Amino acid sequence: MAYGSGLPRIMPNLTHHCRPGLAEAAVARHPAPAVVLDMGAGGRKIAPHVVAVDFVALPGTDVVSDVCATPFPDDHADCIVATGLIEHLEDDLAFLREARRILRPGGEIHVEIPFLQQYHDDPIDVRRYTADGLARVMRAQGFEPVDSGFHIGPGVAIATLNAYYWGTVFEGESRAAKILSNGAFFLASVIGWPLTRLDRWLMRKRSAHRLAFGVYCVARKPLS
């Protein structure tokens, strides 16, 4: 059982975006009838015209497919969104090659991935990137980065990792240990929650990227 999973209604949300709405902004730049693909959508629907792609048939999924081998033709999409996806892929480069294939020339891809987030298997969790590292990988795969940085900041990283640390300290197989572990996770989350709101201020600091929880990159497929 995940820490805090028995307290979903009262658990403070630590994943505060200091740059909110980046994926939504990418979609808004490509209104209908543009072809927008949300890869690994996880059941969400950013906008009515967005095609939700996932490897399982979740509610709201439009296309069930391996995101590294989709049924879409070459130069098909105007925009691709992939948030919280490539850390869970066995081969992230295969996905980026597939994205480049199905994106039209001049099309846009928006990627978000953790940097200092805790391990979270769904069903696997295999990589992290810095903002600079993500932009370099995108460039190496033939994209032209136009914007990159972090969207979830240091306060979230410190608060979240601290909550998981104290949950781990009291972890055990007994019922008492599980209660203590979840209680410690909850208490640390409550204490750490105010730190997450400081990220709107910390994001202006030159070194804030060193402790970022999550990073992003917006890139385009070259016209030729």
Protein backbone atom coordinates (compact mmCIF):
# COMPACT_ATOMS: atom_id res chain seq x y z
CA MET A 1 0.00 0.00 0.00
CA ALA A 2 1.38 3.43 -0.95
CA TYR A 3 2.03 5.89 1.86
CA GLY A 4 -1.06 7.93 2.58
CA SER A 5 -3.26 5.81 0.32
CA GLY A 6 -5.74 5.27 3.12
CA LEU A 7 -6.19 9.03 3.61
CA PRO A 8 -6.96 10.31 0.09
CA ARG A 9 -9.57 12.89 1.07
CA ILE A 10 -7.47 14.71 3.63
CA MET A 11 -3.96 14.22 2.21
CA PRO A 12 -2.43 17.57 1.17
CA ASN A 13 -1.47 17.69 -2.49
CA LEU A 14 2.30 18.18 -2.63
CA THR A 15 2.63 18.19 -6.43
CA HIS A 16 2.21 21.93 -6.89
CA HIS A 17 3.12 23.28 -10.34
CA CYS A 18 4.97 26.59 -10.16
CA ARG A 19 4.48 26.85 -13.94
CA PRO A 20 0.96 25.44 -14.25
CA GLY A 21 -0.88 24.63 -17.44
CA LEU A 22 2.05 23.99 -19.76
CA ALA A 23 0.45 20.97 -21.43
CA GLU A 24 -2.86 22.82 -21.70
CA ALA A 25 -1.05 25.77 -23.28
CA ALA A 26 0.54 23.47 -25.86
CA VAL A 27 -2.90 22.11 -26.76
CA ALA A 28 -4.36 25.64 -26.90
CA ARG A 29 -1.77 26.58 -29.51
CA HIS A 30 -3.27 23.87 -31.72
CA PRO A 31 -7.08 24.23 -31.59
CA ALA A 32 -9.45 22.04 -33.59
CA PRO A 33 -9.27 20.86 -36.32
CA ALA A 34 -5.55 20.39 -35.54
CA VAL A 35 -4.50 16.81 -34.73
CA VAL A 36 -3.29 16.68 -31.13
CA LEU A 37 -2.15 13.41 -29.53
CA ASP A 38 -1.89 12.96 -25.77
CA MET A 39 0.50 10.02 -25.44
CA GLY A 40 0.09 8.00 -22.26
CA ALA A 41 -2.94 10.11 -21.40
CA GLY A 42 -3.84 8.02 -18.35
CA GLY A 43 -7.56 8.63 -18.74
CA ARG A 44 -7.44 12.43 -18.95
CA LYS A 45 -8.96 14.58 -21.70
CA ILE A 46 -7.19 17.95 -21.99
CA ALA A 47 -9.60 19.19 -24.68
CA PRO A 48 -12.40 17.60 -26.72
CA HIS A 49 -10.34 17.43 -29.93
CA VAL A 50 -7.33 15.78 -28.26
CA VAL A 51 -6.80 12.11 -29.12
CA ALA A 52 -5.95 10.23 -25.91
CA VAL A 53 -3.50 7.36 -26.54
CA ASP A 54 -2.66 4.72 -23.92
CA PHE A 55 -1.61 1.09 -23.74
CA VAL A 56 -4.68 0.23 -21.68
CA ALA A 57 -8.32 1.05 -22.37
CA LEU A 58 -8.91 3.55 -19.56
CA PRO A 59 -12.03 5.73 -19.51
CA GLY A 60 -11.50 8.46 -22.08
CA THR A 61 -8.88 6.55 -24.07
CA ASP A 62 -9.43 6.99 -27.82
CA VAL A 63 -6.63 4.79 -29.18
CA VAL A 64 -5.19 1.76 -27.38
CA SER A 65 -1.62 1.39 -28.58
CA ASP A 66 2.02 1.02 -27.66
CA VAL A 67 3.23 4.63 -27.75
CA CYS A 68 6.48 3.45 -29.35
CA ALA A 69 4.65 1.80 -32.27
CA THR A 70 1.43 3.67 -33.02
CA PRO A 71 -1.01 3.12 -35.92
CA PHE A 72 -0.72 6.75 -37.06
CA PRO A 73 0.76 7.57 -40.50
CA ASP A 74 3.86 9.68 -41.09
CA ASP A 75 3.51 13.46 -40.65
CA HIS A 76 0.08 13.02 -39.06
CA ALA A 77 -0.01 15.16 -35.90
CA ASP A 78 0.25 18.90 -35.34
CA CYS A 79 1.08 18.50 -31.65
CA ILE A 80 2.11 15.68 -29.31
CA VAL A 81 1.86 15.91 -25.53
CA ALA A 82 3.72 13.46 -23.27
CA THR A 83 3.63 14.25 -19.57
CA GLY A 84 4.81 11.78 -16.93
CA LEU A 85 5.33 9.19 -19.65
CA ILE A 86 8.91 8.57 -20.70
CA GLU A 87 10.16 7.71 -17.21
CA HIS A 88 7.86 4.68 -17.47
CA LEU A 89 9.03 3.52 -20.91
CA GLU A 90 11.64 0.83 -21.34
CA ASP A 91 13.00 2.70 -24.40
CA ASP A 92 12.41 6.45 -24.31
CA LEU A 93 14.38 7.00 -27.51
CA ALA A 94 12.09 4.63 -29.40
CA PHE A 95 9.17 6.80 -28.32
CA LEU A 96 10.90 10.01 -29.43
CA ARG A 97 11.69 8.45 -32.82
CA GLU A 98 8.04 7.44 -33.17
CA ALA A 99 6.92 10.92 -32.16
CA ARG A 100 9.19 12.47 -34.77
CA ARG A 101 7.80 10.11 -37.42
CA ILE A 102 4.16 10.92 -36.80
CA LEU A 103 4.64 14.65 -36.17
CA ARG A 104 4.26 16.86 -39.22
CA PRO A 105 7.17 19.16 -40.18
CA GLY A 106 6.92 22.23 -37.98
CA GLY A 107 4.78 20.33 -35.48
CA GLU A 108 5.29 20.68 -31.72
CA ILE A 109 6.02 18.19 -28.97
CA HIS A 110 5.66 18.95 -25.27
CA VAL A 111 7.40 16.57 -22.84
CA GLU A 112 7.41 16.58 -19.03
CA ILE A 113 9.49 14.19 -16.91
CA PRO A 114 10.60 14.03 -13.27
CA PHE A 115 14.05 15.04 -12.07
CA LEU A 116 14.02 14.64 -8.26
CA GLN A 117 10.71 12.83 -7.90
CA GLN A 118 10.63 9.62 -5.85
CA TYR A 119 10.52 6.23 -7.55
CA HIS A 120 6.98 5.46 -8.74
CA ASP A 121 6.44 2.36 -10.85
CA ASP A 122 3.55 2.50 -13.34
CA PRO A 123 4.23 -0.30 -14.16
CA ILE A 124 7.98 0.49 -14.29
CA ASP A 125 10.04 3.59 -13.48
CA VAL A 126 13.44 3.67 -15.13
CA ARG A 127 14.85 7.19 -15.71
CA ARG A 128 15.15 10.84 -14.72
CA TYR A 129 16.35 13.91 -16.65
CA THR A 130 17.61 17.37 -15.82
CA ALA A 131 16.11 20.20 -17.87
CA ASP A 132 19.34 20.50 -19.85
CA GLY A 133 19.57 16.74 -20.30
CA LEU A 134 16.03 16.52 -21.66
CA ALA A 135 16.65 19.33 -24.15
CA ARG A 136 19.87 17.64 -25.30
CA VAL A 137 18.09 14.31 -25.83
CA MET A 138 15.33 16.02 -27.80
CA ARG A 139 17.92 17.73 -29.99
CA ALA A 140 19.81 14.48 -30.52
CA GLN A 141 16.56 12.87 -31.74
CA GLY A 142 16.10 15.51 -34.42
CA PHE A 143 13.88 18.04 -32.63
CA GLU A 144 14.55 21.77 -32.22
CA PRO A 145 13.98 22.79 -28.57
CA VAL A 146 12.24 26.16 -28.23
CA ASP A 147 11.62 26.21 -24.47
CA SER A 148 12.77 24.14 -21.51
CA GLY A 149 13.04 24.40 -17.76
CA PHE A 150 11.32 23.12 -14.64
CA HIS A 151 7.61 23.26 -13.87
CA ILE A 152 7.62 21.57 -10.43
CA GLY A 153 10.16 23.10 -8.11
CA PRO A 154 12.47 22.60 -5.13
CA GLY A 155 9.79 23.00 -2.45
CA VAL A 156 7.83 20.08 -3.87
CA ALA A 157 11.01 17.99 -4.10
CA ILE A 158 11.97 18.63 -0.47
CA ALA A 159 8.44 18.19 0.91
CA THR A 160 7.74 15.01 -1.06
CA LEU A 161 11.06 13.29 -0.42
CA ASN A 162 10.84 14.18 3.27
CA ALA A 163 7.35 12.63 3.50
CA TYR A 164 8.54 9.44 1.80
CA TYR A 165 11.62 9.37 4.06
CA TRP A 166 9.55 9.40 7.26
CA GLY A 167 7.11 6.90 5.81
CA THR A 168 10.05 4.61 5.15
CA VAL A 169 11.47 5.06 8.66
CA PHE A 170 8.33 3.55 10.21
CA GLU A 171 7.64 1.03 7.44
CA GLY A 172 6.91 -2.57 8.45
CA GLU A 173 4.63 -5.54 7.90
CA SER A 174 2.60 -5.30 11.08
CA ARG A 175 -0.64 -3.36 11.28
CA ALA A 176 0.90 -1.01 13.83
CA ALA A 177 3.87 -0.31 11.55
CA LYS A 178 1.55 0.43 8.62
CA ILE A 179 -0.46 2.85 10.73
CA LEU A 180 2.73 4.55 11.97
CA SER A 181 4.18 4.69 8.46
CA ASN A 182 1.09 6.26 6.93
CA GLY A 183 0.75 8.58 9.90
CA ALA A 184 4.35 9.75 9.56
CA PHE A 185 3.87 10.26 5.82
CA PHE A 186 0.70 12.29 6.45
CA LEU A 187 2.25 14.44 9.20
CA ALA A 188 5.37 15.15 7.12
CA SER A 189 3.13 16.05 4.16
CA VAL A 190 1.15 18.53 6.25
CA ILE A 191 4.33 20.11 7.63
CA GLY A 192 5.96 20.22 4.19
CA TRP A 193 2.96 21.53 2.25
CA PRO A 194 3.80 25.24 2.75
CA LEU A 195 7.20 24.67 1.10
CA THR A 196 5.47 23.71 -2.14
CA ARG A 197 3.82 27.15 -2.35
CA LEU A 198 7.21 28.86 -2.08
CA ASP A 199 8.15 27.51 -5.52
CA ARG A 200 6.43 30.44 -7.26
CA TRP A 201 9.10 32.60 -5.57
CA LEU A 202 11.99 30.12 -5.79
CA MET A 203 11.50 29.63 -9.54
CA ARG A 204 13.14 33.03 -10.06
CA LYS A 205 16.33 31.87 -8.33
CA ARG A 206 19.27 31.09 -10.60
CA SER A 207 20.03 27.74 -8.93
CA ALA A 208 16.46 26.51 -8.42
CA HIS A 209 16.78 24.04 -11.30
CA ARG A 210 19.34 22.07 -9.27
CA LEU A 211 16.55 20.88 -6.95
CA ALA A 212 13.62 20.73 -9.37
CA PHE A 213 11.03 17.99 -8.94
CA GLY A 214 9.97 17.96 -12.60
CA VAL A 215 11.26 19.39 -15.88
CA TYR A 216 9.83 20.03 -19.35
CA CYS A 217 10.85 20.69 -22.93
CA VAL A 218 8.89 22.13 -25.85
CA ALA A 219 10.40 21.34 -29.23
CA ARG A 220 9.51 21.34 -32.92
CA LYS A 221 10.11 18.97 -35.77
CA PRO A 222 12.24 20.77 -38.39
CA LEU A 223 10.51 21.89 -41.57
CA SER A 224 13.08 20.02 -43.64
